[in-house]
PDB file of all heavy atoms in Angstrom:
ATOM      1  N   GLU A   1      91.945 121.553  52.855  1.00  0.00           N
ATOM      2  CA  GLU A   1      93.357 121.895  52.653  1.00  0.00           C
ATOM      3  C   GLU A   1      94.024 120.946  51.671  1.00  0.00           C
ATOM      4  O   GLU A   1      94.816 121.365  50.817  1.00  0.00           O
ATOM      5  CB  GLU A   1      94.083 121.876  53.988  1.00  0.00           C
ATOM      6  CG  GLU A   1      95.538 122.316  53.899  1.00  0.00           C
ATOM      7  CD  GLU A   1      96.256 122.210  55.226  1.00  0.00           C
ATOM      8  OE1 GLU A   1      95.870 121.361  56.046  1.00  0.00           O
ATOM      9  OE2 GLU A   1      97.225 122.960  55.435  1.00  0.00           O
ATOM     10  N   ALA A   2      93.715 119.654  51.779  1.00  0.00           N
ATOM     11  CA  ALA A   2      94.309 118.667  50.875  1.00  0.00           C
ATOM     12  C   ALA A   2      93.898 118.922  49.431  1.00  0.00           C
ATOM     13  O   ALA A   2      94.724 118.846  48.510  1.00  0.00           O
ATOM     14  CB  ALA A   2      93.895 117.262  51.301  1.00  0.00           C
ATOM     15  N   LEU A   3      92.630 119.231  49.226  1.00  0.00           N
ATOM     16  CA  LEU A   3      92.152 119.526  47.868  1.00  0.00           C
ATOM     17  C   LEU A   3      92.814 120.786  47.322  1.00  0.00           C
ATOM     18  O   LEU A   3      93.226 120.835  46.155  1.00  0.00           O
ATOM     19  CB  LEU A   3      90.631 119.681  47.869  1.00  0.00           C
ATOM     20  CG  LEU A   3      89.829 118.398  48.129  1.00  0.00           C
ATOM     21  CD1 LEU A   3      88.342 118.729  48.296  1.00  0.00           C
ATOM     22  CD2 LEU A   3      90.023 117.406  46.985  1.00  0.00           C
ATOM     23  N   ALA A   4      92.943 121.805  48.166  1.00  0.00           N
ATOM     24  CA  ALA A   4      93.596 123.047  47.733  1.00  0.00           C
ATOM     25  C   ALA A   4      95.052 122.790  47.377  1.00  0.00           C
ATOM     26  O   ALA A   4      95.556 123.294  46.360  1.00  0.00           O
ATOM     27  CB  ALA A   4      93.491 124.101  48.831  1.00  0.00           C
ATOM     28  N   ALA A   5      95.758 122.002  48.194  1.00  0.00           N
ATOM     29  CA  ALA A   5      97.162 121.700  47.917  1.00  0.00           C
ATOM     30  C   ALA A   5      97.309 120.952  46.598  1.00  0.00           C
ATOM     31  O   ALA A   5      98.231 121.223  45.809  1.00  0.00           O
ATOM     32  CB  ALA A   5      97.758 120.878  49.068  1.00  0.00           C
ATOM     33  N   TYR A   6      96.412 120.018  46.347  1.00  0.00           N
ATOM     34  CA  TYR A   6      96.470 119.241  45.108  1.00  0.00           C
ATOM     35  C   TYR A   6      96.333 120.148  43.884  1.00  0.00           C
ATOM     36  O   TYR A   6      97.154 120.082  42.951  1.00  0.00           O
ATOM     37  CB  TYR A   6      95.364 118.191  45.101  1.00  0.00           C
ATOM     38  CG  TYR A   6      95.195 117.506  43.764  1.00  0.00           C
ATOM     39  CD1 TYR A   6      96.095 116.533  43.333  1.00  0.00           C
ATOM     40  CD2 TYR A   6      94.136 117.850  42.913  1.00  0.00           C
ATOM     41  CE1 TYR A   6      95.954 115.920  42.098  1.00  0.00           C
ATOM     42  CE2 TYR A   6      93.982 117.241  41.682  1.00  0.00           C
ATOM     43  CZ  TYR A   6      94.887 116.272  41.273  1.00  0.00           C
ATOM     44  OH  TYR A   6      94.744 115.677  40.042  1.00  0.00           O
ATOM     45  N   PHE A   7      95.330 121.010  43.871  1.00  0.00           N
ATOM     46  CA  PHE A   7      95.093 121.853  42.697  1.00  0.00           C
ATOM     47  C   PHE A   7      96.166 122.940  42.552  1.00  0.00           C
ATOM     48  O   PHE A   7      96.618 123.217  41.427  1.00  0.00           O
ATOM     49  CB  PHE A   7      93.705 122.488  42.773  1.00  0.00           C
ATOM     50  CG  PHE A   7      92.587 121.515  42.515  1.00  0.00           C
ATOM     51  CD1 PHE A   7      91.731 121.127  43.538  1.00  0.00           C
ATOM     52  CD2 PHE A   7      92.398 120.968  41.248  1.00  0.00           C
ATOM     53  CE1 PHE A   7      90.704 120.220  43.300  1.00  0.00           C
ATOM     54  CE2 PHE A   7      91.372 120.058  41.008  1.00  0.00           C
ATOM     55  CZ  PHE A   7      90.527 119.682  42.033  1.00  0.00           C
ATOM     56  N   LEU A   8      96.619 123.515  43.661  1.00  0.00           N
ATOM     57  CA  LEU A   8      97.604 124.583  43.579  1.00  0.00           C
ATOM     58  C   LEU A   8      99.006 124.057  43.264  1.00  0.00           C
ATOM     59  O   LEU A   8      99.880 124.819  42.844  1.00  0.00           O
ATOM     60  CB  LEU A   8      97.629 125.374  44.891  1.00  0.00           C
ATOM     61  CG  LEU A   8      96.371 126.210  45.170  1.00  0.00           C
ATOM     62  CD1 LEU A   8      96.433 126.832  46.565  1.00  0.00           C
ATOM     63  CD2 LEU A   8      96.203 127.312  44.119  1.00  0.00           C
ATOM     64  N   ALA A   9      99.229 122.760  43.443  1.00  0.00           N
ATOM     65  CA  ALA A   9     100.553 122.188  43.160  1.00  0.00           C
ATOM     66  C   ALA A   9     100.692 121.690  41.725  1.00  0.00           C
ATOM     67  O   ALA A   9     101.773 121.233  41.339  1.00  0.00           O
ATOM     68  CB  ALA A   9     100.829 121.028  44.126  1.00  0.00           C
ATOM     69  N   GLN A  10      99.643 121.796  40.924  1.00  0.00           N
ATOM     70  CA  GLN A  10      99.694 121.202  39.590  1.00  0.00           C
ATOM     71  C   GLN A  10     100.785 121.796  38.706  1.00  0.00           C
ATOM     72  O   GLN A  10     101.464 121.069  37.967  1.00  0.00           O
ATOM     73  CB  GLN A  10      98.330 121.337  38.902  1.00  0.00           C
ATOM     74  CG  GLN A  10      97.245 120.454  39.508  1.00  0.00           C
ATOM     75  CD  GLN A  10      97.648 118.988  39.571  1.00  0.00           C
ATOM     76  OE1 GLN A  10      97.978 118.375  38.557  1.00  0.00           O
ATOM     77  NE2 GLN A  10      97.632 118.416  40.773  1.00  0.00           N
ATOM     78  N   SER A  11     100.991 123.103  38.771  1.00  0.00           N
ATOM     79  CA  SER A  11     102.040 123.705  37.935  1.00  0.00           C
ATOM     80  C   SER A  11     103.422 123.240  38.381  1.00  0.00           C
ATOM     81  O   SER A  11     104.313 122.977  37.559  1.00  0.00           O
ATOM     82  CB  SER A  11     101.954 125.238  37.979  1.00  0.00           C
ATOM     83  OG  SER A  11     102.153 125.708  39.310  1.00  0.00           O
ATOM     84  N   SER A  12     103.622 123.121  39.706  1.00  0.00           N
ATOM     85  CA  SER A  12     104.903 122.628  40.218  1.00  0.00           C
ATOM     86  C   SER A  12     105.127 121.175  39.830  1.00  0.00           C
ATOM     87  O   SER A  12     106.252 120.774  39.501  1.00  0.00           O
ATOM     88  CB  SER A  12     104.943 122.766  41.745  1.00  0.00           C
ATOM     89  OG  SER A  12     104.914 124.124  42.129  1.00  0.00           O
ATOM     90  N   ILE A  13     104.062 120.386  39.840  1.00  0.00           N
ATOM     91  CA  ILE A  13     104.169 118.982  39.441  1.00  0.00           C
ATOM     92  C   ILE A  13     104.557 118.885  37.965  1.00  0.00           C
ATOM     93  O   ILE A  13     105.392 118.056  37.577  1.00  0.00           O
ATOM     94  CB  ILE A  13     102.839 118.252  39.705  1.00  0.00           C
ATOM     95  CG1 ILE A  13     102.589 118.152  41.214  1.00  0.00           C
ATOM     96  CG2 ILE A  13     102.852 116.854  39.085  1.00  0.00           C
ATOM     97  CD1 ILE A  13     101.207 117.663  41.577  1.00  0.00           C
ATOM     98  N   SER A  14     103.972 119.751  37.145  1.00  0.00           N
ATOM     99  CA  SER A  14     104.314 119.758  35.719  1.00  0.00           C
ATOM    100  C   SER A  14     105.785 120.079  35.514  1.00  0.00           C
ATOM    101  O   SER A  14     106.459 119.466  34.679  1.00  0.00           O
ATOM    102  CB  SER A  14     103.446 120.776  34.979  1.00  0.00           C
ATOM    103  OG  SER A  14     102.076 120.416  35.053  1.00  0.00           O
ATOM    104  N   GLU A  15     106.314 121.040  36.272  1.00  0.00           N
ATOM    105  CA  GLU A  15     107.729 121.394  36.170  1.00  0.00           C
ATOM    106  C   GLU A  15     108.612 120.216  36.583  1.00  0.00           C
ATOM    107  O   GLU A  15     109.642 119.944  35.952  1.00  0.00           O
ATOM    108  CB  GLU A  15     108.029 122.605  37.051  1.00  0.00           C
ATOM    109  CG  GLU A  15     107.410 123.909  36.543  1.00  0.00           C
ATOM    110  CD  GLU A  15     107.690 125.067  37.477  1.00  0.00           C
ATOM    111  OE1 GLU A  15     108.482 124.875  38.426  1.00  0.00           O
ATOM    112  OE2 GLU A  15     107.121 126.147  37.282  1.00  0.00           O
ATOM    113  N   VAL A  16     108.222 119.535  37.651  1.00  0.00           N
ATOM    114  CA  VAL A  16     108.988 118.376  38.103  1.00  0.00           C
ATOM    115  C   VAL A  16     109.017 117.305  37.028  1.00  0.00           C
ATOM    116  O   VAL A  16     110.056 116.715  36.730  1.00  0.00           O
ATOM    117  CB  VAL A  16     108.378 117.812  39.407  1.00  0.00           C
ATOM    118  CG1 VAL A  16     108.945 116.419  39.706  1.00  0.00           C
ATOM    119  CG2 VAL A  16     108.649 118.747  40.574  1.00  0.00           C
ATOM    120  N   ARG A  17     107.875 117.068  36.404  1.00  0.00           N
ATOM    121  CA  ARG A  17     107.797 116.015  35.385  1.00  0.00           C
ATOM    122  C   ARG A  17     108.605 116.365  34.136  1.00  0.00           C
ATOM    123  O   ARG A  17     109.055 115.466  33.416  1.00  0.00           O
ATOM    124  CB  ARG A  17     106.334 115.781  35.013  1.00  0.00           C
ATOM    125  CG  ARG A  17     105.561 115.034  36.096  1.00  0.00           C
ATOM    126  CD  ARG A  17     104.098 114.872  35.743  1.00  0.00           C
ATOM    127  NE  ARG A  17     103.475 113.820  36.537  1.00  0.00           N
ATOM    128  CZ  ARG A  17     102.184 113.544  36.516  1.00  0.00           C
ATOM    129  NH1 ARG A  17     101.365 114.244  35.748  1.00  0.00           N
ATOM    130  NH2 ARG A  17     101.694 112.567  37.262  1.00  0.00           N
ATOM    131  N   LEU A  18     108.774 117.658  33.873  1.00  0.00           N
ATOM    132  CA  LEU A  18     109.540 118.074  32.710  1.00  0.00           C
ATOM    133  C   LEU A  18     111.049 118.082  32.975  1.00  0.00           C
ATOM    134  O   LEU A  18     111.842 118.231  32.043  1.00  0.00           O
ATOM    135  CB  LEU A  18     109.099 119.478  32.260  1.00  0.00           C
ATOM    136  CG  LEU A  18     107.694 119.565  31.649  1.00  0.00           C
ATOM    137  CD1 LEU A  18     107.308 121.023  31.408  1.00  0.00           C
ATOM    138  CD2 LEU A  18     107.628 118.776  30.337  1.00  0.00           C
ATOM    139  N   ASN A  19     111.415 117.931  34.250  1.00  0.00           N
ATOM    140  CA  ASN A  19     112.827 117.926  34.618  1.00  0.00           C
ATOM    141  C   ASN A  19     113.475 116.662  34.048  1.00  0.00           C
ATOM    142  O   ASN A  19     113.093 115.542  34.387  1.00  0.00           O
ATOM    143  CB  ASN A  19     112.970 117.956  36.141  1.00  0.00           C
ATOM    144  CG  ASN A  19     114.394 118.247  36.573  1.00  0.00           C
ATOM    145  OD1 ASN A  19     115.337 118.107  35.800  1.00  0.00           O
ATOM    146  ND2 ASN A  19     114.543 118.651  37.828  1.00  0.00           N
ATOM    147  N   ASP A  20     114.446 116.834  33.183  1.00  0.00           N
ATOM    148  CA  ASP A  20     115.034 115.682  32.488  1.00  0.00           C
ATOM    149  C   ASP A  20     116.308 115.167  33.148  1.00  0.00           C
ATOM    150  O   ASP A  20     117.014 114.330  32.587  1.00  0.00           O
ATOM    151  CB  ASP A  20     115.315 116.025  31.022  1.00  0.00           C
ATOM    152  CG  ASP A  20     116.284 117.190  30.876  1.00  0.00           C
ATOM    153  OD1 ASP A  20     116.717 117.737  31.909  1.00  0.00           O
ATOM    154  OD2 ASP A  20     116.608 117.548  29.722  1.00  0.00           O
ATOM    155  N   ASN A  21     116.628 115.669  34.373  1.00  0.00           N
ATOM    156  CA  ASN A  21     117.826 115.137  35.015  1.00  0.00           C
ATOM    157  C   ASN A  21     117.548 113.707  35.496  1.00  0.00           C
ATOM    158  O   ASN A  21     116.416 113.295  35.656  1.00  0.00           O
ATOM    159  CB  ASN A  21     118.292 116.037  36.171  1.00  0.00           C
ATOM    160  CG  ASN A  21     117.348 116.007  37.364  1.00  0.00           C
ATOM    161  OD1 ASN A  21     117.000 114.952  37.875  1.00  0.00           O
ATOM    162  ND2 ASN A  21     116.934 117.181  37.823  1.00  0.00           N
ATOM    163  N   THR A  22     118.594 112.981  35.700  1.00  0.00           N
ATOM    164  CA  THR A  22     118.473 111.570  36.085  1.00  0.00           C
ATOM    165  C   THR A  22     118.871 111.345  37.547  1.00  0.00           C
ATOM    166  O   THR A  22     119.180 110.228  37.945  1.00  0.00           O
ATOM    167  CB  THR A  22     119.349 110.690  35.179  1.00  0.00           C
ATOM    168  OG1 THR A  22     120.709 111.126  35.281  1.00  0.00           O
ATOM    169  CG2 THR A  22     118.881 110.768  33.737  1.00  0.00           C
ATOM    170  N   ILE A  23     118.824 112.423  38.337  1.00  0.00           N
ATOM    171  CA  ILE A  23     119.177 112.314  39.747  1.00  0.00           C
ATOM    172  C   ILE A  23     118.191 111.374  40.453  1.00  0.00           C
ATOM    173  O   ILE A  23     116.981 111.514  40.320  1.00  0.00           O
ATOM    174  CB  ILE A  23     119.144 113.699  40.427  1.00  0.00           C
ATOM    175  CG1 ILE A  23     120.194 114.623  39.808  1.00  0.00           C
ATOM    176  CG2 ILE A  23     119.386 113.575  41.927  1.00  0.00           C
ATOM    177  CD1 ILE A  23     120.157 116.033  40.331  1.00  0.00           C
ATOM    178  N   ASP A  24     118.726 110.427  41.174  1.00  0.00           N
ATOM    179  CA  ASP A  24     117.930 109.468  41.957  1.00  0.00           C
ATOM    180  C   ASP A  24     116.987 108.633  41.100  1.00  0.00           C
ATOM    181  O   ASP A  24     115.947 108.178  41.583  1.00  0.00           O
ATOM    182  CB  ASP A  24     117.123 110.193  43.047  1.00  0.00           C
ATOM    183  CG  ASP A  24     118.013 110.629  44.207  1.00  0.00           C
ATOM    184  OD1 ASP A  24     119.155 110.147  44.295  1.00  0.00           O
ATOM    185  OD2 ASP A  24     117.556 111.442  45.021  1.00  0.00           O
ATOM    186  N   ASN A  25     117.320 108.404  39.847  1.00  0.00           N
ATOM    187  CA  ASN A  25     116.494 107.538  39.014  1.00  0.00           C
ATOM    188  C   ASN A  25     116.624 106.063  39.409  1.00  0.00           C
ATOM    189  O   ASN A  25     115.936 105.206  38.853  1.00  0.00           O
ATOM    190  CB  ASN A  25     116.834 107.702  37.527  1.00  0.00           C
ATOM    191  CG  ASN A  25     115.977 108.775  36.872  1.00  0.00           C
ATOM    192  OD1 ASN A  25     115.217 109.474  37.550  1.00  0.00           O
ATOM    193  ND2 ASN A  25     116.101 108.918  35.572  1.00  0.00           N
ATOM    194  N   ASP A  26     117.496 105.813  40.356  1.00  0.00           N
ATOM    195  CA  ASP A  26     117.603 104.460  40.911  1.00  0.00           C
ATOM    196  C   ASP A  26     116.807 104.345  42.215  1.00  0.00           C
ATOM    197  O   ASP A  26     116.927 103.367  42.947  1.00  0.00           O
ATOM    198  CB  ASP A  26     119.058 104.083  41.155  1.00  0.00           C
ATOM    199  CG  ASP A  26     119.746 105.030  42.140  1.00  0.00           C
ATOM    200  OD1 ASP A  26     119.208 106.137  42.374  1.00  0.00           O
ATOM    201  OD2 ASP A  26     120.808 104.662  42.676  1.00  0.00           O
ATOM    202  N   LEU A  27     115.971 105.355  42.488  1.00  0.00           N
ATOM    203  CA  LEU A  27     115.179 105.355  43.717  1.00  0.00           C
ATOM    204  C   LEU A  27     114.175 104.205  43.685  1.00  0.00           C
ATOM    205  O   LEU A  27     113.367 104.095  42.768  1.00  0.00           O
ATOM    206  CB  LEU A  27     114.447 106.690  43.871  1.00  0.00           C
ATOM    207  CG  LEU A  27     113.706 106.918  45.191  1.00  0.00           C
ATOM    208  CD1 LEU A  27     114.689 107.044  46.354  1.00  0.00           C
ATOM    209  CD2 LEU A  27     112.832 108.176  45.100  1.00  0.00           C
ATOM    210  N   THR A  28     114.227 103.366  44.697  1.00  0.00           N
ATOM    211  CA  THR A  28     113.307 102.230  44.782  1.00  0.00           C
ATOM    212  C   THR A  28     112.453 102.384  46.030  1.00  0.00           C
ATOM    213  O   THR A  28     112.737 103.195  46.917  1.00  0.00           O
ATOM    214  CB  THR A  28     114.086 100.907  44.869  1.00  0.00           C
ATOM    215  OG1 THR A  28     114.867 100.908  46.080  1.00  0.00           O
ATOM    216  CG2 THR A  28     115.014 100.736  43.667  1.00  0.00           C
ATOM    217  N   TYR A  29     111.381 101.573  46.093  1.00  0.00           N
ATOM    218  CA  TYR A  29     110.541 101.609  47.289  1.00  0.00           C
ATOM    219  C   TYR A  29     111.338 101.170  48.514  1.00  0.00           C
ATOM    220  O   TYR A  29     111.085 101.648  49.630  1.00  0.00           O
ATOM    221  CB  TYR A  29     109.307 100.726  47.098  1.00  0.00           C
ATOM    222  CG  TYR A  29     108.348 101.271  46.067  1.00  0.00           C
ATOM    223  CD1 TYR A  29     107.994 100.521  44.954  1.00  0.00           C
ATOM    224  CD2 TYR A  29     107.798 102.540  46.207  1.00  0.00           C
ATOM    225  CE1 TYR A  29     107.127 101.025  43.999  1.00  0.00           C
ATOM    226  CE2 TYR A  29     106.929 103.056  45.267  1.00  0.00           C
ATOM    227  CZ  TYR A  29     106.591 102.294  44.156  1.00  0.00           C
ATOM    228  OH  TYR A  29     105.735 102.805  43.217  1.00  0.00           O
ATOM    229  N   ASN A  30     112.283 100.292  48.303  1.00  0.00           N
ATOM    230  CA  ASN A  30     113.128  99.862  49.414  1.00  0.00           C
ATOM    231  C   ASN A  30     113.960 101.030  49.936  1.00  0.00           C
ATOM    232  O   ASN A  30     114.087 101.230  51.154  1.00  0.00           O
ATOM    233  CB  ASN A  30     114.038  98.718  48.962  1.00  0.00           C
ATOM    234  CG  ASN A  30     114.853  98.138  50.102  1.00  0.00           C
ATOM    235  OD1 ASN A  30     114.322  97.876  51.179  1.00  0.00           O
ATOM    236  ND2 ASN A  30     116.140  97.947  49.877  1.00  0.00           N
TER     237      ASN A  30
END
């Protein structure tokens, strides 16, 4: 299931990475 989720989410991940908004760009590990 984990492998399937990883491969099937690639297009969604690409869309997220192309999102140029700056919402929560101050998000820290803390």
